Amino acid sequence: MALGLVTLFAFRLAGTTPIRVFFFLATFGVLNLLVMYTATNYAAVRHLWPIRPRSALLPALGVVVTGYVLVRNVWPPPEGTLRAVPYLVIVWLMVGAVRLVTRMRPSWLRMSTRPRSV
C-alpha cells in the first residue's frame, strides 16, 4: 500500500493528469496479468501432458493466445510515457524472481521434484 501511495504522490508531483496515471497503472497491471495467465497455462500443460496429452490442448491454446496478446501489447512499443511500462514490468517480475530464489528452502525443491502420481 505504501508503494502505491508513493507512486501516486510521484505522479502528482510530476503533474501527470489523472487519465494518464490510470492508463499507466492499467497497462502495468494488464501486462502483469498476461504474463501470469501465460505462466499458469504453461504450468497446466506441463502438469497435464504426462497424464493425458489430450487434456493439455486447451491450456496449450491458452499459452498461444495469451502469448500473442502479450506480444501485441508490447510490440510495436507504445508511444509517450507508456513506452516505459513493458520495461517496468520486466523489472517488477525480476525483483519477484530474485525474492523467490533467495527465500527458497531446500524442502520446496524436494517437493517439486517428486514423481507425479496418476
C-alpha atoms as a PDB file:
ATOM      1  CA  MET A   1       0.000   0.000   0.000  1.00  0.00           C
ATOM      2  CA  ALA A   2       2.854   2.335   0.796  1.00  0.00           C
ATOM      3  CA  LEU A   3       4.346   1.718  -2.639  1.00  0.00           C
ATOM      4  CA  GLY A   4       1.019   2.678  -4.231  1.00  0.00           C
ATOM      5  CA  LEU A   5       0.792   5.883  -2.230  1.00  0.00           C
ATOM      6  CA  VAL A   6       4.376   6.815  -3.072  1.00  0.00           C
ATOM      7  CA  THR A   7       3.677   6.126  -6.760  1.00  0.00           C
ATOM      8  CA  LEU A   8       0.538   8.269  -6.775  1.00  0.00           C
ATOM      9  CA  PHE A   9       2.364  11.039  -4.931  1.00  0.00           C
ATOM     10  CA  ALA A  10       5.187  10.917  -7.503  1.00  0.00           C
ATOM     11  CA  PHE A  11       2.659  11.154 -10.346  1.00  0.00           C
ATOM     12  CA  ARG A  12       1.057  14.130  -8.629  1.00  0.00           C
ATOM     13  CA  LEU A  13       4.394  15.896  -8.159  1.00  0.00           C
ATOM     14  CA  ALA A  14       5.202  15.304 -11.836  1.00  0.00           C
ATOM     15  CA  GLY A  15       1.928  16.987 -12.790  1.00  0.00           C
ATOM     16  CA  THR A  16       0.546  13.907 -14.569  1.00  0.00           C
ATOM     17  CA  THR A  17      -3.141  14.088 -15.437  1.00  0.00           C
ATOM     18  CA  PRO A  18      -5.416  11.524 -13.744  1.00  0.00           C
ATOM     19  CA  ILE A  19      -6.275   9.831 -17.053  1.00  0.00           C
ATOM     20  CA  ARG A  20      -2.552   9.301 -17.862  1.00  0.00           C
ATOM     21  CA  VAL A  21      -1.999   7.878 -14.369  1.00  0.00           C
ATOM     22  CA  PHE A  22      -4.902   5.467 -14.931  1.00  0.00           C
ATOM     23  CA  PHE A  23      -3.601   4.294 -18.311  1.00  0.00           C
ATOM     24  CA  PHE A  24      -0.065   3.897 -16.977  1.00  0.00           C
ATOM     25  CA  LEU A  25      -1.155   1.800 -13.994  1.00  0.00           C
ATOM     26  CA  ALA A  26      -3.770  -0.141 -16.006  1.00  0.00           C
ATOM     27  CA  THR A  27      -1.220  -1.044 -18.678  1.00  0.00           C
ATOM     28  CA  PHE A  28       1.222  -2.140 -15.995  1.00  0.00           C
ATOM     29  CA  GLY A  29      -1.441  -4.347 -14.398  1.00  0.00           C
ATOM     30  CA  VAL A  30      -2.673  -5.858 -17.655  1.00  0.00           C
ATOM     31  CA  LEU A  31       0.835  -6.784 -18.802  1.00  0.00           C
ATOM     32  CA  ASN A  32       1.488  -8.480 -15.461  1.00  0.00           C
ATOM     33  CA  LEU A  33      -1.808 -10.365 -15.734  1.00  0.00           C
ATOM     34  CA  LEU A  34      -0.953 -11.542 -19.239  1.00  0.00           C
ATOM     35  CA  VAL A  35       2.381 -12.881 -18.002  1.00  0.00           C
ATOM     36  CA  MET A  36       0.587 -14.628 -15.136  1.00  0.00           C
ATOM     37  CA  TYR A  37      -2.050 -16.193 -17.433  1.00  0.00           C
ATOM     38  CA  THR A  38       0.644 -17.401 -19.832  1.00  0.00           C
ATOM     39  CA  ALA A  39       2.680 -18.929 -16.993  1.00  0.00           C
ATOM     40  CA  THR A  40      -0.396 -20.579 -15.471  1.00  0.00           C
ATOM     41  CA  ASN A  41      -1.407 -22.130 -18.784  1.00  0.00           C
ATOM     42  CA  TYR A  42       2.155 -23.303 -19.375  1.00  0.00           C
ATOM     43  CA  ALA A  43       2.179 -24.941 -15.927  1.00  0.00           C
ATOM     44  CA  ALA A  44      -1.125 -26.642 -16.742  1.00  0.00           C
ATOM     45  CA  VAL A  45       0.339 -28.019 -19.976  1.00  0.00           C
ATOM     46  CA  ARG A  46       3.398 -29.345 -18.118  1.00  0.00           C
ATOM     47  CA  HIS A  47       1.192 -30.957 -15.491  1.00  0.00           C
ATOM     48  CA  LEU A  48      -1.406 -32.472 -17.837  1.00  0.00           C
ATOM     49  CA  TRP A  49       0.804 -33.639 -20.724  1.00  0.00           C
ATOM     50  CA  PRO A  50       2.287 -36.729 -18.984  1.00  0.00           C
ATOM     51  CA  ILE A  51      -1.094 -37.713 -17.559  1.00  0.00           C
ATOM     52  CA  ARG A  52      -3.342 -37.209 -20.566  1.00  0.00           C
ATOM     53  CA  PRO A  53      -1.987 -35.275 -23.563  1.00  0.00           C
ATOM     54  CA  ARG A  54      -5.451 -34.501 -24.906  1.00  0.00           C
ATOM     55  CA  SER A  55      -6.290 -32.596 -21.738  1.00  0.00           C
ATOM     56  CA  ALA A  56      -3.338 -30.291 -22.339  1.00  0.00           C
ATOM     57  CA  LEU A  57      -4.704 -28.944 -25.643  1.00  0.00           C
ATOM     58  CA  LEU A  58      -6.808 -26.119 -24.194  1.00  0.00           C
ATOM     59  CA  PRO A  59      -4.064 -24.829 -21.884  1.00  0.00           C
ATOM     60  CA  ALA A  60      -1.632 -25.029 -24.830  1.00  0.00           C
ATOM     61  CA  LEU A  61      -4.054 -22.935 -26.864  1.00  0.00           C
ATOM     62  CA  GLY A  62      -4.215 -20.553 -23.902  1.00  0.00           C
ATOM     63  CA  VAL A  63      -0.414 -20.177 -23.980  1.00  0.00           C
ATOM     64  CA  VAL A  64      -0.570 -19.309 -27.675  1.00  0.00           C
ATOM     65  CA  VAL A  65      -3.427 -16.815 -27.294  1.00  0.00           C
ATOM     66  CA  THR A  66      -2.115 -15.038 -24.195  1.00  0.00           C
ATOM     67  CA  GLY A  67       1.416 -15.033 -25.623  1.00  0.00           C
ATOM     68  CA  TYR A  68       0.136 -13.410 -28.822  1.00  0.00           C
ATOM     69  CA  VAL A  69      -1.839 -10.775 -26.901  1.00  0.00           C
ATOM     70  CA  LEU A  70       1.193 -10.064 -24.715  1.00  0.00           C
ATOM     71  CA  VAL A  71       3.467  -9.618 -27.723  1.00  0.00           C
ATOM     72  CA  ARG A  72       0.955  -7.370 -29.496  1.00  0.00           C
ATOM     73  CA  ASN A  73       0.696  -5.185 -26.367  1.00  0.00           C
ATOM     74  CA  VAL A  74       4.469  -4.777 -26.222  1.00  0.00           C
ATOM     75  CA  TRP A  75       5.349  -4.593 -29.930  1.00  0.00           C
ATOM     76  CA  PRO A  76       5.228  -2.094 -31.546  1.00  0.00           C
ATOM     77  CA  PRO A  77       6.217  -0.085 -28.473  1.00  0.00           C
ATOM     78  CA  PRO A  78       3.539   2.260 -27.137  1.00  0.00           C
ATOM     79  CA  GLU A  79       4.072   5.965 -27.615  1.00  0.00           C
ATOM     80  CA  GLY A  80       4.883   8.543 -24.990  1.00  0.00           C
ATOM     81  CA  THR A  81       5.275   7.666 -21.336  1.00  0.00           C
ATOM     82  CA  LEU A  82       3.651   4.254 -21.823  1.00  0.00           C
ATOM     83  CA  ARG A  83       6.803   3.160 -23.653  1.00  0.00           C
ATOM     84  CA  ALA A  84       8.467   2.560 -20.267  1.00  0.00           C
ATOM     85  CA  VAL A  85       5.736   0.250 -18.943  1.00  0.00           C
ATOM     86  CA  PRO A  86       6.981  -3.036 -20.510  1.00  0.00           C
ATOM     87  CA  TYR A  87      10.436  -2.415 -19.064  1.00  0.00           C
ATOM     88  CA  LEU A  88       8.959  -1.688 -15.634  1.00  0.00           C
ATOM     89  CA  VAL A  89       7.005  -4.947 -15.836  1.00  0.00           C
ATOM     90  CA  ILE A  90      10.236  -6.821 -16.619  1.00  0.00           C
ATOM     91  CA  VAL A  91      11.965  -5.186 -13.634  1.00  0.00           C
ATOM     92  CA  TRP A  92       8.951  -5.966 -11.402  1.00  0.00           C
ATOM     93  CA  LEU A  93       8.999  -9.638 -12.447  1.00  0.00           C
ATOM     94  CA  MET A  94      12.770  -9.874 -11.985  1.00  0.00           C
ATOM     95  CA  VAL A  95      12.503  -8.462  -8.462  1.00  0.00           C
ATOM     96  CA  GLY A  96       9.852 -11.083  -7.702  1.00  0.00           C
ATOM     97  CA  ALA A  97      12.012 -13.865  -9.169  1.00  0.00           C
ATOM     98  CA  VAL A  98      15.036 -12.771  -7.129  1.00  0.00           C
ATOM     99  CA  ARG A  99      12.955 -12.661  -3.949  1.00  0.00           C
ATOM    100  CA  LEU A 100      11.584 -16.128  -4.689  1.00  0.00           C
ATOM    101  CA  VAL A 101      15.001 -17.637  -5.329  1.00  0.00           C
ATOM    102  CA  THR A 102      16.623 -16.035  -2.287  1.00  0.00           C
ATOM    103  CA  ARG A 103      13.848 -17.232   0.018  1.00  0.00           C
ATOM    104  CA  MET A 104      13.592 -20.782  -1.363  1.00  0.00           C
ATOM    105  CA  ARG A 105      14.002 -23.624   1.039  1.00  0.00           C
ATOM    106  CA  PRO A 106      15.502 -26.976   0.084  1.00  0.00           C
ATOM    107  CA  SER A 107      12.256 -28.673   1.172  1.00  0.00           C
ATOM    108  CA  TRP A 108      10.388 -26.790  -1.595  1.00  0.00           C
ATOM    109  CA  LEU A 109      12.770 -28.182  -4.177  1.00  0.00           C
ATOM    110  CA  ARG A 110      12.322 -31.717  -2.879  1.00  0.00           C
ATOM    111  CA  MET A 111       8.541 -31.383  -3.090  1.00  0.00           C
ATOM    112  CA  SER A 112       8.646 -30.098  -6.665  1.00  0.00           C
ATOM    113  CA  THR A 113      10.853 -32.927  -7.944  1.00  0.00           C
ATOM    114  CA  ARG A 114       8.730 -35.781  -6.581  1.00  0.00           C
ATOM    115  CA  PRO A 115       7.314 -38.124  -9.188  1.00  0.00           C
ATOM    116  CA  ARG A 116       3.714 -37.351 -10.051  1.00  0.00           C
ATOM    117  CA  SER A 117       1.035 -39.844  -9.178  1.00  0.00           C
ATOM    118  CA  VAL A 118      -1.505 -40.617 -11.864  1.00  0.00           C
END
